[in-house]
């Protein structure tokens, strides 16, 4: 289904140097959700003095920085856009006690994760395509009782990056795409990622409990890193 929809399969390593997550912003904004670093390659002499500085490596909490590296691996033309990448990527998150819930929120998981590189002119069209693609996948599994949540930033919080203008633009586009689907749209103030707003697909099980089953996000900040 992904290949039919124009996605290219990619594969990202499980660990990376700290520098990558510093550039992406994860070390600044998401470090509490990451496992502690692995400090390797440090060398000391017999006196215990450091003769070679070591390097910190982290298990990846997200696939985003790696997909951007794929995009940046060579010069790109606007004719290649939109460029759609996806992978079944394993990620690792140090969920705090009380957050981990059975097998629905574990400390290591494999995501069906995709990133689309596109222009502003086609952004809304691409997001509409993603939303319809996800809805189609969910319906294939017989999942029909769900609604959408629009997660936005908390205006008074300092845990979000980017200008007010970019946040307003990204939020407006997501809201239009979600509204056009005809599904119920519920506001979720303060629930955005640190880099941008998102739409969450929330499902109800046979007991009426609500589970978040996927997200669709807009990131105007990462391209500037």
C-alpha atoms as a PDB file:
ATOM      1  CA  UNK A   1       0.000   0.000   0.000  1.00  0.00           C
ATOM      2  CA  UNK A   2       2.848   2.420   0.796  1.00  0.00           C
ATOM      3  CA  UNK A   3       4.628   1.812  -2.484  1.00  0.00           C
ATOM      4  CA  UNK A   4       1.359   2.178  -4.380  1.00  0.00           C
ATOM      5  CA  UNK A   5       0.918   5.558  -2.691  1.00  0.00           C
ATOM      6  CA  UNK A   6       4.325   6.731  -3.887  1.00  0.00           C
ATOM      7  CA  UNK A   7       6.426   6.127  -0.767  1.00  0.00           C
ATOM      8  CA  UNK A   8      10.059   5.008  -0.933  1.00  0.00           C
ATOM      9  CA  UNK A   9      11.217   2.500   1.680  1.00  0.00           C
ATOM     10  CA  UNK A  10      14.217   3.621   3.763  1.00  0.00           C
ATOM     11  CA  UNK A  11      16.082   2.185   6.732  1.00  0.00           C
ATOM     12  CA  UNK A  12      17.654   4.123   9.610  1.00  0.00           C
ATOM     13  CA  UNK A  13      20.195   2.875  12.184  1.00  0.00           C
ATOM     14  CA  UNK A  14      19.133   2.381  15.788  1.00  0.00           C
ATOM     15  CA  UNK A  15      21.756   4.683  17.331  1.00  0.00           C
ATOM     16  CA  UNK A  16      23.507   7.915  16.405  1.00  0.00           C
ATOM     17  CA  UNK A  17      25.980  10.417  17.778  1.00  0.00           C
ATOM     18  CA  UNK A  18      24.617  13.089  20.079  1.00  0.00           C
ATOM     19  CA  UNK A  19      25.397  15.782  17.503  1.00  0.00           C
ATOM     20  CA  UNK A  20      22.531  14.645  15.284  1.00  0.00           C
ATOM     21  CA  UNK A  21      19.967  14.949  18.080  1.00  0.00           C
ATOM     22  CA  UNK A  22      21.422  18.316  19.087  1.00  0.00           C
ATOM     23  CA  UNK A  23      20.806  19.656  15.594  1.00  0.00           C
ATOM     24  CA  UNK A  24      17.320  18.163  15.407  1.00  0.00           C
ATOM     25  CA  UNK A  25      16.414  19.661  18.783  1.00  0.00           C
ATOM     26  CA  UNK A  26      15.620  16.382  20.531  1.00  0.00           C
ATOM     27  CA  UNK A  27      18.407  16.777  23.099  1.00  0.00           C
ATOM     28  CA  UNK A  28      17.100  20.211  24.008  1.00  0.00           C
ATOM     29  CA  UNK A  29      13.392  19.456  24.025  1.00  0.00           C
ATOM     30  CA  UNK A  30      12.945  15.684  24.345  1.00  0.00           C
ATOM     31  CA  UNK A  31      15.926  14.492  26.397  1.00  0.00           C
ATOM     32  CA  UNK A  32      13.783  13.331  29.338  1.00  0.00           C
ATOM     33  CA  UNK A  33      12.095  10.869  26.984  1.00  0.00           C
ATOM     34  CA  UNK A  34      15.393   9.447  25.708  1.00  0.00           C
ATOM     35  CA  UNK A  35      17.536   6.714  27.198  1.00  0.00           C
ATOM     36  CA  UNK A  36      20.859   7.844  28.758  1.00  0.00           C
ATOM     37  CA  UNK A  37      23.812   8.102  26.350  1.00  0.00           C
ATOM     38  CA  UNK A  38      26.380   5.419  25.669  1.00  0.00           C
ATOM     39  CA  UNK A  39      29.809   7.008  26.097  1.00  0.00           C
ATOM     40  CA  UNK A  40      32.320   5.181  23.897  1.00  0.00           C
ATOM     41  CA  UNK A  41      35.823   5.498  22.392  1.00  0.00           C
ATOM     42  CA  UNK A  42      37.302   7.388  25.333  1.00  0.00           C
ATOM     43  CA  UNK A  43      40.950   6.526  26.014  1.00  0.00           C
ATOM     44  CA  UNK A  44      43.016   7.117  29.170  1.00  0.00           C
ATOM     45  CA  UNK A  45      46.685   6.652  30.011  1.00  0.00           C
ATOM     46  CA  UNK A  46      48.056   4.753  33.003  1.00  0.00           C
ATOM     47  CA  UNK A  47      47.608   7.835  35.171  1.00  0.00           C
ATOM     48  CA  UNK A  48      43.903   7.918  34.357  1.00  0.00           C
ATOM     49  CA  UNK A  49      44.200  11.054  32.245  1.00  0.00           C
ATOM     50  CA  UNK A  50      42.033  11.332  29.160  1.00  0.00           C
ATOM     51  CA  UNK A  51      44.124  11.085  26.013  1.00  0.00           C
ATOM     52  CA  UNK A  52      41.200  10.821  23.628  1.00  0.00           C
ATOM     53  CA  UNK A  53      37.773  12.292  24.137  1.00  0.00           C
ATOM     54  CA  UNK A  54      34.871   9.912  23.946  1.00  0.00           C
ATOM     55  CA  UNK A  55      31.646  10.288  22.009  1.00  0.00           C
ATOM     56  CA  UNK A  56      28.050  10.049  23.235  1.00  0.00           C
ATOM     57  CA  UNK A  57      25.642   7.870  21.272  1.00  0.00           C
ATOM     58  CA  UNK A  58      21.887   7.751  21.827  1.00  0.00           C
ATOM     59  CA  UNK A  59      19.218   5.240  20.958  1.00  0.00           C
ATOM     60  CA  UNK A  60      16.908   7.025  18.572  1.00  0.00           C
ATOM     61  CA  UNK A  61      13.574   8.211  19.991  1.00  0.00           C
ATOM     62  CA  UNK A  62      12.376   9.310  16.541  1.00  0.00           C
ATOM     63  CA  UNK A  63      13.098   8.491  12.913  1.00  0.00           C
ATOM     64  CA  UNK A  64      12.777  12.115  11.765  1.00  0.00           C
ATOM     65  CA  UNK A  65      16.472  13.177  11.887  1.00  0.00           C
ATOM     66  CA  UNK A  66      17.543  10.127   9.884  1.00  0.00           C
ATOM     67  CA  UNK A  67      14.995  10.672   7.135  1.00  0.00           C
ATOM     68  CA  UNK A  68      16.220  14.247   6.859  1.00  0.00           C
ATOM     69  CA  UNK A  69      19.767  12.924   6.460  1.00  0.00           C
ATOM     70  CA  UNK A  70      18.517  10.789   3.569  1.00  0.00           C
ATOM     71  CA  UNK A  71      17.011  13.897   2.001  1.00  0.00           C
ATOM     72  CA  UNK A  72      20.246  15.842   2.519  1.00  0.00           C
ATOM     73  CA  UNK A  73      22.467  13.054   1.179  1.00  0.00           C
ATOM     74  CA  UNK A  74      22.631  14.814  -2.182  1.00  0.00           C
ATOM     75  CA  UNK A  75      21.466  17.939  -3.913  1.00  0.00           C
ATOM     76  CA  UNK A  76      17.740  17.912  -4.624  1.00  0.00           C
ATOM     77  CA  UNK A  77      15.600  19.474  -7.314  1.00  0.00           C
ATOM     78  CA  UNK A  78      12.116  20.851  -6.810  1.00  0.00           C
ATOM     79  CA  UNK A  79      11.085  18.419  -9.545  1.00  0.00           C
ATOM     80  CA  UNK A  80      11.641  15.559  -7.063  1.00  0.00           C
ATOM     81  CA  UNK A  81       9.047  16.959  -4.695  1.00  0.00           C
ATOM     82  CA  UNK A  82       6.955  15.753  -3.060  1.00  0.00           C
ATOM     83  CA  UNK A  83       9.436  13.176  -1.774  1.00  0.00           C
ATOM     84  CA  UNK A  84       7.751  10.548   0.409  1.00  0.00           C
ATOM     85  CA  UNK A  85       9.775   8.231   2.666  1.00  0.00           C
ATOM     86  CA  UNK A  86       8.602   5.548   5.066  1.00  0.00           C
ATOM     87  CA  UNK A  87      10.052   2.805   7.202  1.00  0.00           C
ATOM     88  CA  UNK A  88       9.021   0.337   9.826  1.00  0.00           C
ATOM     89  CA  UNK A  89      11.454   1.969  12.221  1.00  0.00           C
ATOM     90  CA  UNK A  90      12.304   0.830  15.739  1.00  0.00           C
ATOM     91  CA  UNK A  91      12.470   3.656  18.276  1.00  0.00           C
ATOM     92  CA  UNK A  92      13.307   3.692  21.975  1.00  0.00           C
ATOM     93  CA  UNK A  93      11.791   5.974  24.591  1.00  0.00           C
ATOM     94  CA  UNK A  94      12.455   6.148  28.286  1.00  0.00           C
ATOM     95  CA  UNK A  95       8.861   6.324  29.406  1.00  0.00           C
ATOM     96  CA  UNK A  96       8.508   7.305  33.051  1.00  0.00           C
ATOM     97  CA  UNK A  97       6.897   5.037  35.610  1.00  0.00           C
ATOM     98  CA  UNK A  98       3.134   5.216  35.318  1.00  0.00           C
ATOM     99  CA  UNK A  99       3.246   6.161  31.646  1.00  0.00           C
ATOM    100  CA  UNK A 100       4.033   2.724  30.268  1.00  0.00           C
ATOM    101  CA  UNK A 101       0.731   0.916  29.720  1.00  0.00           C
ATOM    102  CA  UNK A 102       0.782  -2.732  28.751  1.00  0.00           C
ATOM    103  CA  UNK A 103       1.942  -3.222  25.184  1.00  0.00           C
ATOM    104  CA  UNK A 104       0.427  -0.036  23.821  1.00  0.00           C
ATOM    105  CA  UNK A 105       3.179   2.257  25.098  1.00  0.00           C
ATOM    106  CA  UNK A 106       6.390   0.313  25.559  1.00  0.00           C
ATOM    107  CA  UNK A 107       9.976   1.546  25.817  1.00  0.00           C
ATOM    108  CA  UNK A 108      10.896   0.012  22.488  1.00  0.00           C
ATOM    109  CA  UNK A 109       8.500  -0.130  19.554  1.00  0.00           C
ATOM    110  CA  UNK A 110       8.385  -0.298  15.787  1.00  0.00           C
ATOM    111  CA  UNK A 111       6.524   2.475  14.027  1.00  0.00           C
ATOM    112  CA  UNK A 112       5.054   2.663  10.578  1.00  0.00           C
ATOM    113  CA  UNK A 113       6.686   6.041  10.144  1.00  0.00           C
ATOM    114  CA  UNK A 114       6.703   8.345   7.127  1.00  0.00           C
ATOM    115  CA  UNK A 115       8.066  11.768   6.263  1.00  0.00           C
ATOM    116  CA  UNK A 116       7.074  13.869   3.290  1.00  0.00           C
ATOM    117  CA  UNK A 117       9.234  16.662   1.892  1.00  0.00           C
ATOM    118  CA  UNK A 118       7.128  19.062  -0.121  1.00  0.00           C
ATOM    119  CA  UNK A 119       6.602  22.718  -0.962  1.00  0.00           C
ATOM    120  CA  UNK A 120       4.157  25.040   0.759  1.00  0.00           C
ATOM    121  CA  UNK A 121       2.058  25.097  -2.408  1.00  0.00           C
ATOM    122  CA  UNK A 122       1.344  21.366  -2.221  1.00  0.00           C
ATOM    123  CA  UNK A 123       1.428  20.918   1.565  1.00  0.00           C
ATOM    124  CA  UNK A 124      -2.329  20.905   2.076  1.00  0.00           C
ATOM    125  CA  UNK A 125      -2.812  18.474  -0.798  1.00  0.00           C
ATOM    126  CA  UNK A 126      -0.177  16.122   0.633  1.00  0.00           C
ATOM    127  CA  UNK A 127      -1.710  16.230   4.109  1.00  0.00           C
ATOM    128  CA  UNK A 128      -5.122  15.410   2.680  1.00  0.00           C
ATOM    129  CA  UNK A 129      -3.553  12.450   0.919  1.00  0.00           C
ATOM    130  CA  UNK A 130      -1.927  11.263   4.151  1.00  0.00           C
ATOM    131  CA  UNK A 131      -5.170  11.549   6.094  1.00  0.00           C
ATOM    132  CA  UNK A 132      -7.098   9.561   3.492  1.00  0.00           C
ATOM    133  CA  UNK A 133      -4.287   6.986   3.335  1.00  0.00           C
ATOM    134  CA  UNK A 134      -4.376   6.457   7.110  1.00  0.00           C
ATOM    135  CA  UNK A 135      -8.159   6.250   7.163  1.00  0.00           C
ATOM    136  CA  UNK A 136      -7.984   3.620   4.433  1.00  0.00           C
ATOM    137  CA  UNK A 137      -5.499   1.528   6.409  1.00  0.00           C
ATOM    138  CA  UNK A 138      -7.606   1.755   9.560  1.00  0.00           C
ATOM    139  CA  UNK A 139     -10.738   0.713   7.710  1.00  0.00           C
ATOM    140  CA  UNK A 140      -8.904  -2.321   6.320  1.00  0.00           C
ATOM    141  CA  UNK A 141      -8.612  -3.509   9.922  1.00  0.00           C
ATOM    142  CA  UNK A 142     -12.277  -2.831  10.571  1.00  0.00           C
ATOM    143  CA  UNK A 143     -11.576   0.285  12.682  1.00  0.00           C
ATOM    144  CA  UNK A 144     -14.265   2.859  12.082  1.00  0.00           C
ATOM    145  CA  UNK A 145     -15.195   4.387  15.465  1.00  0.00           C
ATOM    146  CA  UNK A 146     -12.672   7.188  15.797  1.00  0.00           C
ATOM    147  CA  UNK A 147     -12.273  10.966  15.763  1.00  0.00           C
ATOM    148  CA  UNK A 148      -9.475  13.491  15.233  1.00  0.00           C
ATOM    149  CA  UNK A 149      -7.686  15.665  17.775  1.00  0.00           C
ATOM    150  CA  UNK A 150      -5.970  18.897  16.787  1.00  0.00           C
ATOM    151  CA  UNK A 151      -2.979  19.266  19.103  1.00  0.00           C
ATOM    152  CA  UNK A 152      -1.737  22.839  19.340  1.00  0.00           C
ATOM    153  CA  UNK A 153       0.888  24.608  21.419  1.00  0.00           C
ATOM    154  CA  UNK A 154       0.425  26.291  24.762  1.00  0.00           C
ATOM    155  CA  UNK A 155       0.932  29.993  24.121  1.00  0.00           C
ATOM    156  CA  UNK A 156       2.387  30.526  27.593  1.00  0.00           C
ATOM    157  CA  UNK A 157       4.815  27.607  27.505  1.00  0.00           C
ATOM    158  CA  UNK A 158       8.472  27.870  26.512  1.00  0.00           C
ATOM    159  CA  UNK A 159       8.627  24.217  25.392  1.00  0.00           C
ATOM    160  CA  UNK A 160       7.873  24.989  21.748  1.00  0.00           C
ATOM    161  CA  UNK A 161      10.141  26.310  18.990  1.00  0.00           C
ATOM    162  CA  UNK A 162       9.365  28.440  15.948  1.00  0.00           C
ATOM    163  CA  UNK A 163       7.693  31.763  15.267  1.00  0.00           C
ATOM    164  CA  UNK A 164       4.041  32.571  15.926  1.00  0.00           C
ATOM    165  CA  UNK A 165       3.527  33.017  12.178  1.00  0.00           C
ATOM    166  CA  UNK A 166       4.751  29.512  11.362  1.00  0.00           C
ATOM    167  CA  UNK A 167       2.635  27.955  14.100  1.00  0.00           C
ATOM    168  CA  UNK A 168      -0.464  29.789  12.907  1.00  0.00           C
ATOM    169  CA  UNK A 169       0.137  28.711   9.313  1.00  0.00           C
ATOM    170  CA  UNK A 170       0.779  25.064  10.187  1.00  0.00           C
ATOM    171  CA  UNK A 171      -2.177  24.891  12.582  1.00  0.00           C
ATOM    172  CA  UNK A 172      -4.508  26.494  10.052  1.00  0.00           C
ATOM    173  CA  UNK A 173      -3.562  24.011   7.342  1.00  0.00           C
ATOM    174  CA  UNK A 174      -4.049  21.007   9.626  1.00  0.00           C
ATOM    175  CA  UNK A 175      -7.396  22.325  10.808  1.00  0.00           C
ATOM    176  CA  UNK A 176      -8.653  22.749   7.236  1.00  0.00           C
ATOM    177  CA  UNK A 177      -7.520  19.266   6.259  1.00  0.00           C
ATOM    178  CA  UNK A 178      -9.117  17.703   9.336  1.00  0.00           C
ATOM    179  CA  UNK A 179     -12.380  19.610   8.915  1.00  0.00           C
ATOM    180  CA  UNK A 180     -12.672  18.623   5.259  1.00  0.00           C
ATOM    181  CA  UNK A 181     -12.604  14.936   6.272  1.00  0.00           C
ATOM    182  CA  UNK A 182     -16.022  15.274   7.869  1.00  0.00           C
ATOM    183  CA  UNK A 183     -14.835  13.588  11.073  1.00  0.00           C
ATOM    184  CA  UNK A 184     -15.311  15.032  14.526  1.00  0.00           C
ATOM    185  CA  UNK A 185     -12.427  17.376  15.391  1.00  0.00           C
ATOM    186  CA  UNK A 186     -11.589  17.845  19.073  1.00  0.00           C
ATOM    187  CA  UNK A 187      -9.159  20.535  20.284  1.00  0.00           C
ATOM    188  CA  UNK A 188      -6.118  19.467  22.304  1.00  0.00           C
ATOM    189  CA  UNK A 189      -4.446  22.670  23.575  1.00  0.00           C
ATOM    190  CA  UNK A 190      -0.821  22.177  24.597  1.00  0.00           C
ATOM    191  CA  UNK A 191      -0.571  18.698  23.068  1.00  0.00           C
ATOM    192  CA  UNK A 192       1.603  19.635  20.098  1.00  0.00           C
ATOM    193  CA  UNK A 193       5.127  18.372  19.524  1.00  0.00           C
ATOM    194  CA  UNK A 194       7.855  20.866  20.375  1.00  0.00           C
ATOM    195  CA  UNK A 195       8.391  21.589  16.668  1.00  0.00           C
ATOM    196  CA  UNK A 196       4.835  21.783  15.369  1.00  0.00           C
ATOM    197  CA  UNK A 197       1.100  21.020  15.645  1.00  0.00           C
ATOM    198  CA  UNK A 198      -0.385  17.632  14.846  1.00  0.00           C
ATOM    199  CA  UNK A 199      -3.568  15.710  14.204  1.00  0.00           C
ATOM    200  CA  UNK A 200      -4.055  12.566  16.262  1.00  0.00           C
ATOM    201  CA  UNK A 201      -6.238   9.659  15.185  1.00  0.00           C
ATOM    202  CA  UNK A 202      -8.108   8.539  18.310  1.00  0.00           C
ATOM    203  CA  UNK A 203      -9.942   5.214  18.346  1.00  0.00           C
ATOM    204  CA  UNK A 204     -12.542   3.789  20.692  1.00  0.00           C
ATOM    205  CA  UNK A 205     -12.449   0.134  21.681  1.00  0.00           C
ATOM    206  CA  UNK A 206     -15.408  -2.106  22.569  1.00  0.00           C
ATOM    207  CA  UNK A 207     -15.325  -0.780  26.152  1.00  0.00           C
ATOM    208  CA  UNK A 208     -15.493   2.824  25.031  1.00  0.00           C
ATOM    209  CA  UNK A 209     -11.870   3.548  25.955  1.00  0.00           C
ATOM    210  CA  UNK A 210      -9.966   5.985  23.733  1.00  0.00           C
ATOM    211  CA  UNK A 211      -6.569   5.108  22.256  1.00  0.00           C
ATOM    212  CA  UNK A 212      -4.335   7.261  20.117  1.00  0.00           C
ATOM    213  CA  UNK A 213      -3.504   5.262  16.986  1.00  0.00           C
ATOM    214  CA  UNK A 214      -1.381   7.613  14.889  1.00  0.00           C
ATOM    215  CA  UNK A 215      -0.397  11.191  14.243  1.00  0.00           C
ATOM    216  CA  UNK A 216       0.008  13.543  11.307  1.00  0.00           C
ATOM    217  CA  UNK A 217       2.341  16.463  11.949  1.00  0.00           C
ATOM    218  CA  UNK A 218       3.590  19.601  10.242  1.00  0.00           C
ATOM    219  CA  UNK A 219       7.159  20.698  10.946  1.00  0.00           C
ATOM    220  CA  UNK A 220       8.354  24.070   9.677  1.00  0.00           C
ATOM    221  CA  UNK A 221      11.215  24.231  12.185  1.00  0.00           C
ATOM    222  CA  UNK A 222      13.333  21.218  11.185  1.00  0.00           C
ATOM    223  CA  UNK A 223      14.014  22.470   7.636  1.00  0.00           C
ATOM    224  CA  UNK A 224      15.737  25.474   9.186  1.00  0.00           C
ATOM    225  CA  UNK A 225      18.132  23.402  11.299  1.00  0.00           C
END
